N, C-alpha and C. Protein backbone atom coordinates (compact mmCIF):
# COMPACT_ATOMS: atom_id res chain seq x y z
N UNK A 1 11.16 23.35 27.29
CA UNK A 1 9.97 22.56 27.53
C UNK A 1 10.32 21.09 27.32
N UNK A 2 9.67 20.23 28.06
CA UNK A 2 9.94 18.80 27.98
C UNK A 2 8.71 18.07 27.46
N UNK A 3 8.97 16.90 26.84
CA UNK A 3 7.88 16.05 26.39
C UNK A 3 8.07 14.66 26.98
N UNK A 4 6.96 14.00 27.25
CA UNK A 4 6.98 12.62 27.74
C UNK A 4 6.51 11.73 26.59
N UNK A 5 7.36 10.78 26.21
CA UNK A 5 7.07 9.88 25.11
C UNK A 5 6.81 8.49 25.69
N UNK A 6 5.68 7.88 25.33
CA UNK A 6 5.30 6.56 25.84
C UNK A 6 5.09 5.62 24.67
N UNK A 7 5.70 4.45 24.74
CA UNK A 7 5.52 3.44 23.70
C UNK A 7 4.18 2.75 23.91
N UNK A 8 3.27 2.88 22.93
CA UNK A 8 1.92 2.35 23.10
C UNK A 8 1.62 1.18 22.18
N UNK A 9 2.48 0.94 21.20
CA UNK A 9 2.25 -0.15 20.26
C UNK A 9 3.57 -0.86 20.01
N UNK A 10 3.53 -2.16 19.84
CA UNK A 10 4.74 -2.94 19.62
C UNK A 10 5.36 -2.62 18.27
N UNK A 11 6.69 -2.48 18.23
CA UNK A 11 7.37 -2.21 16.95
C UNK A 11 7.62 -3.47 16.12
N UNK A 12 7.13 -4.62 16.55
CA UNK A 12 7.32 -5.85 15.79
C UNK A 12 6.64 -5.70 14.43
N UNK A 13 7.36 -6.02 13.38
CA UNK A 13 6.83 -5.91 12.04
C UNK A 13 7.17 -4.60 11.35
N UNK A 14 7.79 -3.66 12.07
CA UNK A 14 8.21 -2.40 11.49
C UNK A 14 9.70 -2.44 11.20
N UNK A 15 10.20 -1.46 10.49
CA UNK A 15 11.59 -1.47 10.05
C UNK A 15 12.58 -1.42 11.21
N UNK A 16 13.79 -1.91 10.94
CA UNK A 16 14.84 -1.88 11.96
C UNK A 16 15.22 -0.45 12.31
N UNK A 17 15.08 0.45 11.37
CA UNK A 17 15.38 1.86 11.64
C UNK A 17 14.46 2.40 12.73
N UNK A 18 13.19 2.02 12.68
CA UNK A 18 12.25 2.47 13.71
C UNK A 18 12.56 1.82 15.05
N UNK A 19 13.02 0.57 15.05
CA UNK A 19 13.45 -0.09 16.29
C UNK A 19 14.60 0.69 16.92
N UNK A 20 15.56 1.10 16.07
CA UNK A 20 16.73 1.83 16.59
C UNK A 20 16.34 3.20 17.12
N UNK A 21 15.39 3.86 16.46
CA UNK A 21 14.93 5.17 16.94
C UNK A 21 14.28 5.02 18.31
N UNK A 22 13.45 3.99 18.48
CA UNK A 22 12.81 3.77 19.78
C UNK A 22 13.84 3.47 20.85
N UNK A 23 14.87 2.69 20.51
CA UNK A 23 15.94 2.41 21.47
C UNK A 23 16.66 3.69 21.86
N UNK A 24 16.93 4.55 20.88
CA UNK A 24 17.62 5.81 21.15
C UNK A 24 16.78 6.73 22.02
N UNK A 25 15.47 6.63 21.91
CA UNK A 25 14.59 7.42 22.76
C UNK A 25 14.48 6.84 24.17
N UNK A 26 14.99 5.63 24.37
CA UNK A 26 14.93 5.01 25.68
C UNK A 26 13.68 4.21 25.92
N UNK A 27 13.03 3.77 24.84
CA UNK A 27 11.79 3.01 24.95
C UNK A 27 12.05 1.56 24.60
N UNK A 28 11.79 0.67 25.53
CA UNK A 28 12.04 -0.74 25.30
C UNK A 28 10.75 -1.54 25.16
N UNK A 29 10.05 -1.68 26.26
CA UNK A 29 8.82 -2.46 26.27
C UNK A 29 7.61 -1.56 26.09
N UNK A 30 6.52 -2.15 25.64
CA UNK A 30 5.27 -1.40 25.51
C UNK A 30 4.87 -0.88 26.89
N UNK A 31 4.53 0.38 26.96
CA UNK A 31 4.17 1.00 28.23
C UNK A 31 5.30 1.79 28.86
N UNK A 32 6.53 1.62 28.35
CA UNK A 32 7.65 2.36 28.91
C UNK A 32 7.60 3.81 28.44
N UNK A 33 8.12 4.71 29.28
CA UNK A 33 8.09 6.14 29.00
C UNK A 33 9.46 6.75 29.19
N UNK A 34 9.68 7.88 28.53
CA UNK A 34 10.91 8.64 28.69
C UNK A 34 10.58 10.11 28.54
N UNK A 35 11.31 10.95 29.26
CA UNK A 35 11.12 12.40 29.20
C UNK A 35 12.34 13.00 28.52
N UNK A 36 12.10 13.85 27.52
CA UNK A 36 13.16 14.47 26.74
C UNK A 36 12.86 15.95 26.55
N UNK A 37 13.91 16.73 26.26
CA UNK A 37 13.74 18.12 25.83
C UNK A 37 13.13 18.08 24.43
N UNK A 38 12.36 19.08 24.08
CA UNK A 38 11.74 19.09 22.75
C UNK A 38 12.64 19.81 21.74
N UNK A 39 13.82 19.25 21.52
CA UNK A 39 14.75 19.76 20.53
C UNK A 39 14.32 19.27 19.15
N UNK A 40 14.79 19.92 18.09
CA UNK A 40 14.42 19.47 16.74
C UNK A 40 14.82 18.01 16.46
N UNK A 41 15.94 17.57 17.00
CA UNK A 41 16.36 16.19 16.79
C UNK A 41 15.42 15.19 17.43
N UNK A 42 15.03 15.46 18.66
CA UNK A 42 14.11 14.57 19.37
C UNK A 42 12.73 14.58 18.70
N UNK A 43 12.27 15.75 18.30
CA UNK A 43 10.96 15.84 17.64
C UNK A 43 10.97 15.08 16.32
N UNK A 44 12.08 15.10 15.60
CA UNK A 44 12.19 14.34 14.36
C UNK A 44 12.13 12.84 14.62
N UNK A 45 12.77 12.40 15.70
CA UNK A 45 12.75 10.98 16.06
C UNK A 45 11.33 10.56 16.43
N UNK A 46 10.65 11.41 17.18
CA UNK A 46 9.27 11.11 17.58
C UNK A 46 8.37 11.06 16.35
N UNK A 47 8.58 11.99 15.43
CA UNK A 47 7.76 12.03 14.22
C UNK A 47 7.93 10.76 13.39
N UNK A 48 9.14 10.20 13.37
CA UNK A 48 9.40 8.99 12.60
C UNK A 48 8.63 7.79 13.15
N UNK A 49 8.35 7.79 14.45
CA UNK A 49 7.67 6.66 15.09
C UNK A 49 6.34 7.08 15.70
N UNK A 50 5.71 8.12 15.18
CA UNK A 50 4.49 8.67 15.75
C UNK A 50 3.37 7.64 15.85
N UNK A 51 3.33 6.66 14.94
CA UNK A 51 2.28 5.66 14.94
C UNK A 51 2.47 4.62 16.05
N UNK A 52 3.61 4.66 16.75
CA UNK A 52 3.90 3.70 17.82
C UNK A 52 3.89 4.33 19.21
N UNK A 53 3.90 5.64 19.29
CA UNK A 53 4.05 6.32 20.59
C UNK A 53 2.95 7.35 20.80
N UNK A 54 2.79 7.75 22.08
CA UNK A 54 1.98 8.91 22.42
C UNK A 54 2.90 9.94 23.06
N UNK A 55 2.57 11.20 22.86
CA UNK A 55 3.40 12.29 23.35
C UNK A 55 2.57 13.23 24.20
N UNK A 56 3.11 13.59 25.37
CA UNK A 56 2.46 14.54 26.27
C UNK A 56 3.48 15.63 26.59
N UNK A 57 3.02 16.86 26.72
CA UNK A 57 3.92 17.92 27.14
C UNK A 57 4.03 17.92 28.66
N UNK A 58 5.21 18.24 29.13
CA UNK A 58 5.48 18.26 30.57
C UNK A 58 5.77 19.70 30.98
N UNK A 59 5.18 20.15 32.07
CA UNK A 59 5.47 21.49 32.60
C UNK A 59 6.81 21.42 33.33
N UNK A 60 7.56 22.51 33.23
CA UNK A 60 8.88 22.52 33.88
C UNK A 60 8.78 22.92 35.31
């Protein structure tokens, strides 16, 4: 199963670790989206930045 992650809030003012997680997810500017497999690693990254992103499930 895949998930679509969209950056909905600016990471300015948050820790550098959260900036790096967003970069690793492929999210740069507010409004950008990326589609990933819902592996435990990706879900952990999303959980770390949940207050900055929205997540939607994608049908295969």
